[in-house]
Amino acid sequence: MIGRWIFASVFGLATVAAVAMVVVTWTEPDAGRWLFLAFAALFAVMTWSVLFPQKPKPEPAGTRFVPAWFVDGAILALGILILLAVASCIFGGK
């Protein structure tokens, strides 16, 4: 139980620090504030999930079918996009 509060304190402090960086960089023209805002949201969600864990749901009676082709297709599409990004950096650079 004490470990939950330690993790929540660390994530909460990181949330406050990220929000402070958003406030400090809000008037700057670069896009760094959006990165800090994303980190603040991530740390806030992590703090919330540590403080208020979800109750485990009961197991369903039957099994469910997850099509393997859908997952395989997503992995293949992601791999192709990564290869295209690397190839465009290597061969398309100015």
PDB file of N, CA and C in Angstrom:
ATOM      1  N   MET A   1       0.818  -1.199   0.000  1.00  0.00           N
ATOM      2  CA  MET A   1       0.000   0.000   0.000  1.00  0.00           C
ATOM      3  C   MET A   1       0.861   1.262   0.000  1.00  0.00           C
ATOM      4  N   ILE A   2       1.971   1.226   0.743  1.00  0.00           N
ATOM      5  CA  ILE A   2       2.838   2.405   0.776  1.00  0.00           C
ATOM      6  C   ILE A   2       3.539   2.598  -0.561  1.00  0.00           C
ATOM      7  N   GLY A   3       3.811   1.497  -1.264  1.00  0.00           N
ATOM      8  CA  GLY A   3       4.455   1.599  -2.564  1.00  0.00           C
ATOM      9  C   GLY A   3       3.591   2.327  -3.566  1.00  0.00           C
ATOM     10  N   ARG A   4       2.260   2.152  -3.459  1.00  0.00           N
ATOM     11  CA  ARG A   4       1.345   2.855  -4.356  1.00  0.00           C
ATOM     12  C   ARG A   4       1.468   4.362  -4.179  1.00  0.00           C
ATOM     13  N   TRP A   5       1.590   4.806  -2.930  1.00  0.00           N
ATOM     14  CA  TRP A   5       1.685   6.237  -2.678  1.00  0.00           C
ATOM     15  C   TRP A   5       3.040   6.795  -3.108  1.00  0.00           C
ATOM     16  N   ILE A   6       4.070   5.979  -3.000  1.00  0.00           N
ATOM     17  CA  ILE A   6       5.388   6.428  -3.472  1.00  0.00           C
ATOM     18  C   ILE A   6       5.360   6.622  -4.975  1.00  0.00           C
ATOM     19  N   PHE A   7       4.824   5.626  -5.708  1.00  0.00           N
ATOM     20  CA  PHE A   7       4.736   5.761  -7.160  1.00  0.00           C
ATOM     21  C   PHE A   7       3.830   6.920  -7.552  1.00  0.00           C
ATOM     22  N   ALA A   8       2.712   7.080  -6.862  1.00  0.00           N
ATOM     23  CA  ALA A   8       1.802   8.190  -7.158  1.00  0.00           C
ATOM     24  C   ALA A   8       2.477   9.531  -6.904  1.00  0.00           C
ATOM     25  N   SER A   9       3.293   9.606  -5.847  1.00  0.00           N
ATOM     26  CA  SER A   9       4.003  10.861  -5.570  1.00  0.00           C
ATOM     27  C   SER A   9       5.024  11.167  -6.651  1.00  0.00           C
ATOM     28  N   VAL A  10       5.744  10.152  -7.105  1.00  0.00           N
ATOM     29  CA  VAL A  10       6.751  10.360  -8.155  1.00  0.00           C
ATOM     30  C   VAL A  10       6.067  10.786  -9.457  1.00  0.00           C
ATOM     31  N   PHE A  11       4.992  10.068  -9.840  1.00  0.00           N
ATOM     32  CA  PHE A  11       4.294  10.426 -11.072  1.00  0.00           C
ATOM     33  C   PHE A  11       3.604  11.782 -10.948  1.00  0.00           C
ATOM     34  N   GLY A  12       3.078  12.081  -9.755  1.00  0.00           N
ATOM     35  CA  GLY A  12       2.450  13.384  -9.543  1.00  0.00           C
ATOM     36  C   GLY A  12       3.456  14.517  -9.639  1.00  0.00           C
ATOM     37  N   LEU A  13       4.633  14.304  -9.087  1.00  0.00           N
ATOM     38  CA  LEU A  13       5.685  15.318  -9.187  1.00  0.00           C
ATOM     39  C   LEU A  13       6.118  15.513 -10.644  1.00  0.00           C
ATOM     40  N   ALA A  14       6.223  14.416 -11.386  1.00  0.00           N
ATOM     41  CA  ALA A  14       6.564  14.518 -12.800  1.00  0.00           C
ATOM     42  C   ALA A  14       5.465  15.252 -13.572  1.00  0.00           C
ATOM     43  N   THR A  15       4.214  15.039 -13.197  1.00  0.00           N
ATOM     44  CA  THR A  15       3.099  15.757 -13.834  1.00  0.00           C
ATOM     45  C   THR A  15       3.197  17.250 -13.568  1.00  0.00           C
ATOM     46  N   VAL A  16       3.448  17.597 -12.322  1.00  0.00           N
ATOM     47  CA  VAL A  16       3.575  19.016 -11.969  1.00  0.00           C
ATOM     48  C   VAL A  16       4.756  19.653 -12.697  1.00  0.00           C
ATOM     49  N   ALA A  17       5.878  18.942 -12.795  1.00  0.00           N
ATOM     50  CA  ALA A  17       7.041  19.485 -13.502  1.00  0.00           C
ATOM     51  C   ALA A  17       6.749  19.672 -14.983  1.00  0.00           C
ATOM     52  N   ALA A  18       6.055  18.712 -15.598  1.00  0.00           N
ATOM     53  CA  ALA A  18       5.737  18.839 -17.021  1.00  0.00           C
ATOM     54  C   ALA A  18       4.754  19.987 -17.262  1.00  0.00           C
ATOM     55  N   VAL A  19       3.774  20.136 -16.369  1.00  0.00           N
ATOM     56  CA  VAL A  19       2.832  21.253 -16.513  1.00  0.00           C
ATOM     57  C   VAL A  19       3.565  22.579 -16.315  1.00  0.00           C
ATOM     58  N   ALA A  20       4.512  22.622 -15.392  1.00  0.00           N
ATOM     59  CA  ALA A  20       5.293  23.852 -15.202  1.00  0.00           C
ATOM     60  C   ALA A  20       6.086  24.187 -16.459  1.00  0.00           C
ATOM     61  N   MET A  21       6.637  23.177 -17.119  1.00  0.00           N
ATOM     62  CA  MET A  21       7.367  23.435 -18.374  1.00  0.00           C
ATOM     63  C   MET A  21       6.424  23.919 -19.466  1.00  0.00           C
ATOM     64  N   VAL A  22       5.197  23.418 -19.474  1.00  0.00           N
ATOM     65  CA  VAL A  22       4.207  23.901 -20.454  1.00  0.00           C
ATOM     66  C   VAL A  22       3.907  25.368 -20.200  1.00  0.00           C
ATOM     67  N   VAL A  23       3.736  25.735 -18.942  1.00  0.00           N
ATOM     68  CA  VAL A  23       3.438  27.128 -18.604  1.00  0.00           C
ATOM     69  C   VAL A  23       4.613  28.027 -18.974  1.00  0.00           C
ATOM     70  N   VAL A  24       5.832  27.575 -18.701  1.00  0.00           N
ATOM     71  CA  VAL A  24       7.014  28.391 -18.987  1.00  0.00           C
ATOM     72  C   VAL A  24       7.212  28.576 -20.485  1.00  0.00           C
ATOM     73  N   THR A  25       6.977  27.534 -21.270  1.00  0.00           N
ATOM     74  CA  THR A  25       7.248  27.596 -22.716  1.00  0.00           C
ATOM     75  C   THR A  25       6.017  27.944 -23.535  1.00  0.00           C
ATOM     76  N   TRP A  26       4.914  28.359 -22.912  1.00  0.00           N
ATOM     77  CA  TRP A  26       3.684  28.590 -23.664  1.00  0.00           C
ATOM     78  C   TRP A  26       3.819  29.747 -24.659  1.00  0.00           C
ATOM     79  N   THR A  27       4.595  30.763 -24.345  1.00  0.00           N
ATOM     80  CA  THR A  27       4.709  31.910 -25.242  1.00  0.00           C
ATOM     81  C   THR A  27       5.823  31.750 -26.277  1.00  0.00           C
ATOM     82  N   GLU A  28       6.591  30.685 -26.192  1.00  0.00           N
ATOM     83  CA  GLU A  28       7.668  30.450 -27.149  1.00  0.00           C
ATOM     84  C   GLU A  28       7.089  29.953 -28.474  1.00  0.00           C
ATOM     85  N   PRO A  29       7.735  30.276 -29.586  1.00  0.00           N
ATOM     86  CA  PRO A  29       7.175  29.882 -30.884  1.00  0.00           C
ATOM     87  C   PRO A  29       7.424  28.425 -31.278  1.00  0.00           C
ATOM     88  N   ASP A  30       8.296  27.720 -30.575  1.00  0.00           N
ATOM     89  CA  ASP A  30       8.575  26.336 -30.980  1.00  0.00           C
ATOM     90  C   ASP A  30       7.472  25.399 -30.481  1.00  0.00           C
ATOM     91  N   ALA A  31       7.531  24.163 -30.914  1.00  0.00           N
ATOM     92  CA  ALA A  31       6.485  23.201 -30.587  1.00  0.00           C
ATOM     93  C   ALA A  31       6.827  22.364 -29.362  1.00  0.00           C
ATOM     94  N   GLY A  32       7.805  22.760 -28.575  1.00  0.00           N
ATOM     95  CA  GLY A  32       8.196  21.997 -27.410  1.00  0.00           C
ATOM     96  C   GLY A  32       7.110  21.910 -26.353  1.00  0.00           C
ATOM     97  N   ARG A  33       6.233  22.907 -26.325  1.00  0.00           N
ATOM     98  CA  ARG A  33       5.170  22.897 -25.319  1.00  0.00           C
ATOM     99  C   ARG A  33       4.228  21.724 -25.521  1.00  0.00           C
ATOM    100  N   TRP A  34       4.018  21.313 -26.770  1.00  0.00           N
ATOM    101  CA  TRP A  34       3.114  20.189 -27.033  1.00  0.00           C
ATOM    102  C   TRP A  34       3.734  18.880 -26.549  1.00  0.00           C
ATOM    103  N   LEU A  35       5.045  18.767 -26.642  1.00  0.00           N
ATOM    104  CA  LEU A  35       5.718  17.583 -26.116  1.00  0.00           C
ATOM    105  C   LEU A  35       5.577  17.523 -24.597  1.00  0.00           C
ATOM    106  N   PHE A  36       5.795  18.654 -23.927  1.00  0.00           N
ATOM    107  CA  PHE A  36       5.639  18.684 -22.479  1.00  0.00           C
ATOM    108  C   PHE A  36       4.188  18.460 -22.074  1.00  0.00           C
ATOM    109  N   LEU A  37       3.246  18.937 -22.874  1.00  0.00           N
ATOM    110  CA  LEU A  37       1.845  18.700 -22.585  1.00  0.00           C
ATOM    111  C   LEU A  37       1.503  17.220 -22.718  1.00  0.00           C
ATOM    112  N   ALA A  38       2.091  16.553 -23.702  1.00  0.00           N
ATOM    113  CA  ALA A  38       1.886  15.109 -23.863  1.00  0.00           C
ATOM    114  C   ALA A  38       2.478  14.354 -22.676  1.00  0.00           C
ATOM    115  N   PHE A  39       3.668  14.756 -22.240  1.00  0.00           N
ATOM    116  CA  PHE A  39       4.260  14.119 -21.059  1.00  0.00           C
ATOM    117  C   PHE A  39       3.409  14.362 -19.817  1.00  0.00           C
ATOM    118  N   ALA A  40       2.874  15.576 -19.676  1.00  0.00           N
ATOM    119  CA  ALA A  40       2.016  15.870 -18.521  1.00  0.00           C
ATOM    120  C   ALA A  40       0.779  14.978 -18.532  1.00  0.00           C
ATOM    121  N   ALA A  41       0.184  14.794 -19.706  1.00  0.00           N
ATOM    122  CA  ALA A  41      -0.991  13.926 -19.801  1.00  0.00           C
ATOM    123  C   ALA A  41      -0.622  12.480 -19.484  1.00  0.00           C
ATOM    124  N   LEU A  42       0.517  12.025 -19.996  1.00  0.00           N
ATOM    125  CA  LEU A  42       0.959  10.659 -19.727  1.00  0.00           C
ATOM    126  C   LEU A  42       1.188  10.438 -18.234  1.00  0.00           C
ATOM    127  N   PHE A  43       1.897  11.360 -17.595  1.00  0.00           N
ATOM    128  CA  PHE A  43       2.165  11.214 -16.165  1.00  0.00           C
ATOM    129  C   PHE A  43       0.885  11.336 -15.339  1.00  0.00           C
ATOM    130  N   ALA A  44      -0.049  12.175 -15.775  1.00  0.00           N
ATOM    131  CA  ALA A  44      -1.322  12.298 -15.058  1.00  0.00           C
ATOM    132  C   ALA A  44      -2.113  10.994 -15.129  1.00  0.00           C
ATOM    133  N   VAL A  45      -2.123  10.372 -16.307  1.00  0.00           N
ATOM    134  CA  VAL A  45      -2.821   9.081 -16.447  1.00  0.00           C
ATOM    135  C   VAL A  45      -2.138   8.018 -15.601  1.00  0.00           C
ATOM    136  N   MET A  46      -0.811   8.023 -15.570  1.00  0.00           N
ATOM    137  CA  MET A  46      -0.092   7.047 -14.753  1.00  0.00           C
ATOM    138  C   MET A  46      -0.380   7.267 -13.266  1.00  0.00           C
ATOM    139  N   THR A  47      -0.443   8.522 -12.832  1.00  0.00           N
ATOM    140  CA  THR A  47      -0.773   8.824 -11.435  1.00  0.00           C
ATOM    141  C   THR A  47      -2.177   8.327 -11.111  1.00  0.00           C
ATOM    142  N   TRP A  48      -3.118   8.604 -12.004  1.00  0.00           N
ATOM    143  CA  TRP A  48      -4.493   8.183 -11.789  1.00  0.00           C
ATOM    144  C   TRP A  48      -4.591   6.658 -11.717  1.00  0.00           C
ATOM    145  N   SER A  49      -3.893   5.965 -12.606  1.00  0.00           N
ATOM    146  CA  SER A  49      -3.990   4.504 -12.630  1.00  0.00           C
ATOM    147  C   SER A  49      -3.328   3.870 -11.404  1.00  0.00           C
ATOM    148  N   VAL A  50      -2.329   4.533 -10.831  1.00  0.00           N
ATOM    149  CA  VAL A  50      -1.709   3.996  -9.611  1.00  0.00           C
ATOM    150  C   VAL A  50      -2.608   4.244  -8.405  1.00  0.00           C
ATOM    151  N   LEU A  51      -3.225   5.409  -8.343  1.00  0.00           N
ATOM    152  CA  LEU A  51      -4.070   5.729  -7.191  1.00  0.00           C
ATOM    153  C   LEU A  51      -5.397   4.984  -7.220  1.00  0.00           C
ATOM    154  N   PHE A  52      -5.971   4.815  -8.411  1.00  0.00           N
ATOM    155  CA  PHE A  52      -7.288   4.195  -8.542  1.00  0.00           C
ATOM    156  C   PHE A  52      -7.208   3.016  -9.508  1.00  0.00           C
ATOM    157  N   PRO A  53      -6.688   1.870  -9.047  1.00  0.00           N
ATOM    158  CA  PRO A  53      -6.589   0.716  -9.953  1.00  0.00           C
ATOM    159  C   PRO A  53      -7.977   0.169 -10.278  1.00  0.00           C
ATOM    160  N   GLN A  54      -8.104  -0.395 -11.473  1.00  0.00           N
ATOM    161  CA  GLN A  54      -9.382  -0.958 -11.889  1.00  0.00           C
ATOM    162  C   GLN A  54      -9.597  -2.308 -11.217  1.00  0.00           C
ATOM    163  N   LYS A  55     -10.838  -2.587 -10.951  1.00  0.00           N
ATOM    164  CA  LYS A  55     -11.182  -3.879 -10.372  1.00  0.00           C
ATOM    165  C   LYS A  55     -11.094  -4.938 -11.465  1.00  0.00           C
ATOM    166  N   PRO A  56     -10.556  -6.115 -11.150  1.00  0.00           N
ATOM    167  CA  PRO A  56     -10.476  -7.153 -12.179  1.00  0.00           C
ATOM    168  C   PRO A  56     -11.868  -7.633 -12.574  1.00  0.00           C
ATOM    169  N   LYS A  57     -12.062  -7.804 -13.867  1.00  0.00           N
ATOM    170  CA  LYS A  57     -13.350  -8.273 -14.374  1.00  0.00           C
ATOM    171  C   LYS A  57     -13.384  -9.799 -14.323  1.00  0.00           C
ATOM    172  N   PRO A  58     -14.566 -10.374 -14.134  1.00  0.00           N
ATOM    173  CA  PRO A  58     -14.639 -11.836 -14.127  1.00  0.00           C
ATOM    174  C   PRO A  58     -14.343 -12.406 -15.508  1.00  0.00           C
ATOM    175  N   GLU A  59     -13.793 -13.588 -15.522  1.00  0.00           N
ATOM    176  CA  GLU A  59     -13.442 -14.243 -16.787  1.00  0.00           C
ATOM    177  C   GLU A  59     -14.709 -14.574 -17.571  1.00  0.00           C
ATOM    178  N   PRO A  60     -14.681 -14.365 -18.882  1.00  0.00           N
ATOM    179  CA  PRO A  60     -15.851 -14.753 -19.674  1.00  0.00           C
ATOM    180  C   PRO A  60     -15.980 -16.273 -19.726  1.00  0.00           C
ATOM    181  N   ALA A  61     -17.200 -16.733 -19.953  1.00  0.00           N
ATOM    182  CA  ALA A  61     -17.464 -18.171 -19.938  1.00  0.00           C
ATOM    183  C   ALA A  61     -16.795 -18.875 -21.108  1.00  0.00           C
ATOM    184  N   GLY A  62     -16.863 -18.293 -22.288  1.00  0.00           N
ATOM    185  CA  GLY A  62     -16.294 -18.936 -23.465  1.00  0.00           C
ATOM    186  C   GLY A  62     -15.003 -18.277 -23.909  1.00  0.00           C
ATOM    187  N   THR A  63     -14.405 -18.851 -24.918  1.00  0.00           N
ATOM    188  CA  THR A  63     -13.197 -18.252 -25.480  1.00  0.00           C
ATOM    189  C   THR A  63     -13.576 -17.361 -26.649  1.00  0.00           C
ATOM    190  N   ARG A  64     -12.721 -16.410 -26.951  1.00  0.00           N
ATOM    191  CA  ARG A  64     -12.971 -15.495 -28.062  1.00  0.00           C
ATOM    192  C   ARG A  64     -11.900 -15.695 -29.121  1.00  0.00           C
ATOM    193  N   PHE A  65     -12.310 -15.561 -30.347  1.00  0.00           N
ATOM    194  CA  PHE A  65     -11.391 -15.721 -31.461  1.00  0.00           C
ATOM    195  C   PHE A  65     -10.848 -14.363 -31.870  1.00  0.00           C
ATOM    196  N   VAL A  66      -9.538 -14.241 -31.868  1.00  0.00           N
ATOM    197  CA  VAL A  66      -8.876 -13.036 -32.346  1.00  0.00           C
ATOM    198  C   VAL A  66      -8.176 -13.410 -33.643  1.00  0.00           C
ATOM    199  N   PRO A  67      -8.575 -12.802 -34.754  1.00  0.00           N
ATOM    200  CA  PRO A  67      -7.971 -13.205 -36.025  1.00  0.00           C
ATOM    201  C   PRO A  67      -6.494 -12.831 -36.090  1.00  0.00           C
ATOM    202  N   ALA A  68      -5.688 -13.804 -36.369  1.00  0.00           N
ATOM    203  CA  ALA A  68      -4.247 -13.580 -36.419  1.00  0.00           C
ATOM    204  C   ALA A  68      -3.869 -12.747 -37.636  1.00  0.00           C
ATOM    205  N   TRP A  69      -4.642 -12.813 -38.700  1.00  0.00           N
ATOM    206  CA  TRP A  69      -4.305 -12.060 -39.906  1.00  0.00           C
ATOM    207  C   TRP A  69      -4.405 -10.563 -39.666  1.00  0.00           C
ATOM    208  N   PHE A  70      -5.287 -10.143 -38.765  1.00  0.00           N
ATOM    209  CA  PHE A  70      -5.429  -8.718 -38.468  1.00  0.00           C
ATOM    210  C   PHE A  70      -4.176  -8.196 -37.773  1.00  0.00           C
ATOM    211  N   VAL A  71      -3.692  -8.933 -36.799  1.00  0.00           N
ATOM    212  CA  VAL A  71      -2.476  -8.538 -36.078  1.00  0.00           C
ATOM    213  C   VAL A  71      -1.268  -8.621 -37.011  1.00  0.00           C
ATOM    214  N   ASP A  72      -1.194  -9.680 -37.801  1.00  0.00           N
ATOM    215  CA  ASP A  72      -0.084  -9.821 -38.745  1.00  0.00           C
ATOM    216  C   ASP A  72      -0.079  -8.686 -39.758  1.00  0.00           C
ATOM    217  N   GLY A  73      -1.244  -8.308 -40.233  1.00  0.00           N
ATOM    218  CA  GLY A  73      -1.329  -7.199 -41.188  1.00  0.00           C
ATOM    219  C   GLY A  73      -0.894  -5.876 -40.579  1.00  0.00           C
ATOM    220  N   ALA A  74      -1.271  -5.644 -39.335  1.00  0.00           N
ATOM    221  CA  ALA A  74      -0.868  -4.409 -38.659  1.00  0.00           C
ATOM    222  C   ALA A  74       0.641  -4.364 -38.456  1.00  0.00           C
ATOM    223  N   ILE A  75       1.230  -5.489 -38.074  1.00  0.00           N
ATOM    224  CA  ILE A  75       2.684  -5.544 -37.898  1.00  0.00           C
ATOM    225  C   ILE A  75       3.392  -5.351 -39.233  1.00  0.00           C
ATOM    226  N   LEU A  76       2.873  -5.967 -40.282  1.00  0.00           N
ATOM    227  CA  LEU A  76       3.463  -5.809 -41.609  1.00  0.00           C
ATOM    228  C   LEU A  76       3.365  -4.366 -42.095  1.00  0.00           C
ATOM    229  N   ALA A  77       2.220  -3.726 -41.901  1.00  0.00           N
ATOM    230  CA  ALA A  77       2.054  -2.330 -42.308  1.00  0.00           C
ATOM    231  C   ALA A  77       3.001  -1.418 -41.534  1.00  0.00           C
ATOM    232  N   LEU A  78       3.144  -1.656 -40.244  1.00  0.00           N
ATOM    233  CA  LEU A  78       4.059  -0.848 -39.443  1.00  0.00           C
ATOM    234  C   LEU A  78       5.503  -1.047 -39.883  1.00  0.00           C
ATOM    235  N   GLY A  79       5.883  -2.287 -40.187  1.00  0.00           N
ATOM    236  CA  GLY A  79       7.237  -2.550 -40.675  1.00  0.00           C
ATOM    237  C   GLY A  79       7.510  -1.862 -42.001  1.00  0.00           C
ATOM    238  N   ILE A  80       6.531  -1.880 -42.904  1.00  0.00           N
ATOM    239  CA  ILE A  80       6.709  -1.208 -44.197  1.00  0.00           C
ATOM    240  C   ILE A  80       6.851   0.295 -43.997  1.00  0.00           C
ATOM    241  N   LEU A  81       6.050   0.876 -43.105  1.00  0.00           N
ATOM    242  CA  LEU A  81       6.159   2.316 -42.851  1.00  0.00           C
ATOM    243  C   LEU A  81       7.525   2.677 -42.260  1.00  0.00           C
ATOM    244  N   ILE A  82       8.034   1.859 -41.368  1.00  0.00           N
ATOM    245  CA  ILE A  82       9.353   2.128 -40.783  1.00  0.00           C
ATOM    246  C   ILE A  82      10.435   2.018 -41.848  1.00  0.00           C
ATOM    247  N   LEU A  83      10.355   0.993 -42.695  1.00  0.00           N
ATOM    248  CA  LEU A  83      11.338   0.857 -43.776  1.00  0.00           C
ATOM    249  C   LEU A  83      11.269   2.027 -44.744  1.00  0.00           C
ATOM    250  N   LEU A  84      10.074   2.481 -45.084  1.00  0.00           N
ATOM    251  CA  LEU A  84       9.935   3.646 -45.957  1.00  0.00           C
ATOM    252  C   LEU A  84      10.515   4.898 -45.336  1.00  0.00           C
ATOM    253  N   ALA A  85      10.305   5.085 -44.024  1.00  0.00           N
ATOM    254  CA  ALA A  85      10.851   6.255 -43.344  1.00  0.00           C
ATOM    255  C   ALA A  85      12.386   6.222 -43.342  1.00  0.00           C
ATOM    256  N   VAL A  86      12.959   5.046 -43.088  1.00  0.00           N
ATOM    257  CA  VAL A  86      14.413   4.937 -43.087  1.00  0.00           C
ATOM    258  C   VAL A  86      14.954   5.132 -44.496  1.00  0.00           C
ATOM    259  N   ALA A  87      14.303   4.541 -45.498  1.00  0.00           N
ATOM    260  CA  ALA A  87      14.769   4.670 -46.877  1.00  0.00           C
ATOM    261  C   ALA A  87      14.666   6.108 -47.366  1.00  0.00           C
ATOM    262  N   SER A  88      13.600   6.814 -46.972  1.00  0.00           N
ATOM    263  CA  SER A  88      13.477   8.203 -47.412  1.00  0.00           C
ATOM    264  C   SER A  88      14.537   9.078 -46.765  1.00  0.00           C
ATOM    265  N   CYS A  89      14.954   8.760 -45.552  1.00  0.00           N
ATOM    266  CA  CYS A  89      16.016   9.525 -44.911  1.00  0.00           C
ATOM    267  C   CYS A  89      17.372   9.242 -45.567  1.00  0.00           C
ATOM    268  N   ILE A  90      17.585   7.998 -45.960  1.00  0.00           N
ATOM    269  CA  ILE A  90      18.859   7.622 -46.539  1.00  0.00           C
ATOM    270  C   ILE A  90      18.978   8.113 -47.968  1.00  0.00           C
ATOM    271  N   PHE A  91      17.964   7.830 -48.783  1.00  0.00           N
ATOM    272  CA  PHE A  91      18.052   8.099 -50.224  1.00  0.00           C
ATOM    273  C   PHE A  91      17.418   9.396 -50.650  1.00  0.00           C
ATOM    274  N   GLY A  92      16.570   9.978 -49.841  1.00  0.00           N
ATOM    275  CA  GLY A  92      15.873  11.196 -50.250  1.00  0.00           C
ATOM    276  C   GLY A  92      16.383  12.457 -49.595  1.00  0.00           C
ATOM    277  N   GLY A  93      17.464  12.372 -48.836  1.00  0.00           N
ATOM    278  CA  GLY A  93      17.969  13.542 -48.144  1.00  0.00           C
ATOM    279  C   GLY A  93      18.597  14.553 -49.094  1.00  0.00           C
ATOM    280  N   LYS A  94      18.545  15.803 -48.700  1.00  0.00           N
ATOM    281  CA  LYS A  94      19.126  16.854 -49.548  1.00  0.00           C
ATOM    282  C   LYS A  94      20.569  17.089 -49.198  1.00  0.00           C
TER     283      LYS A  94
END
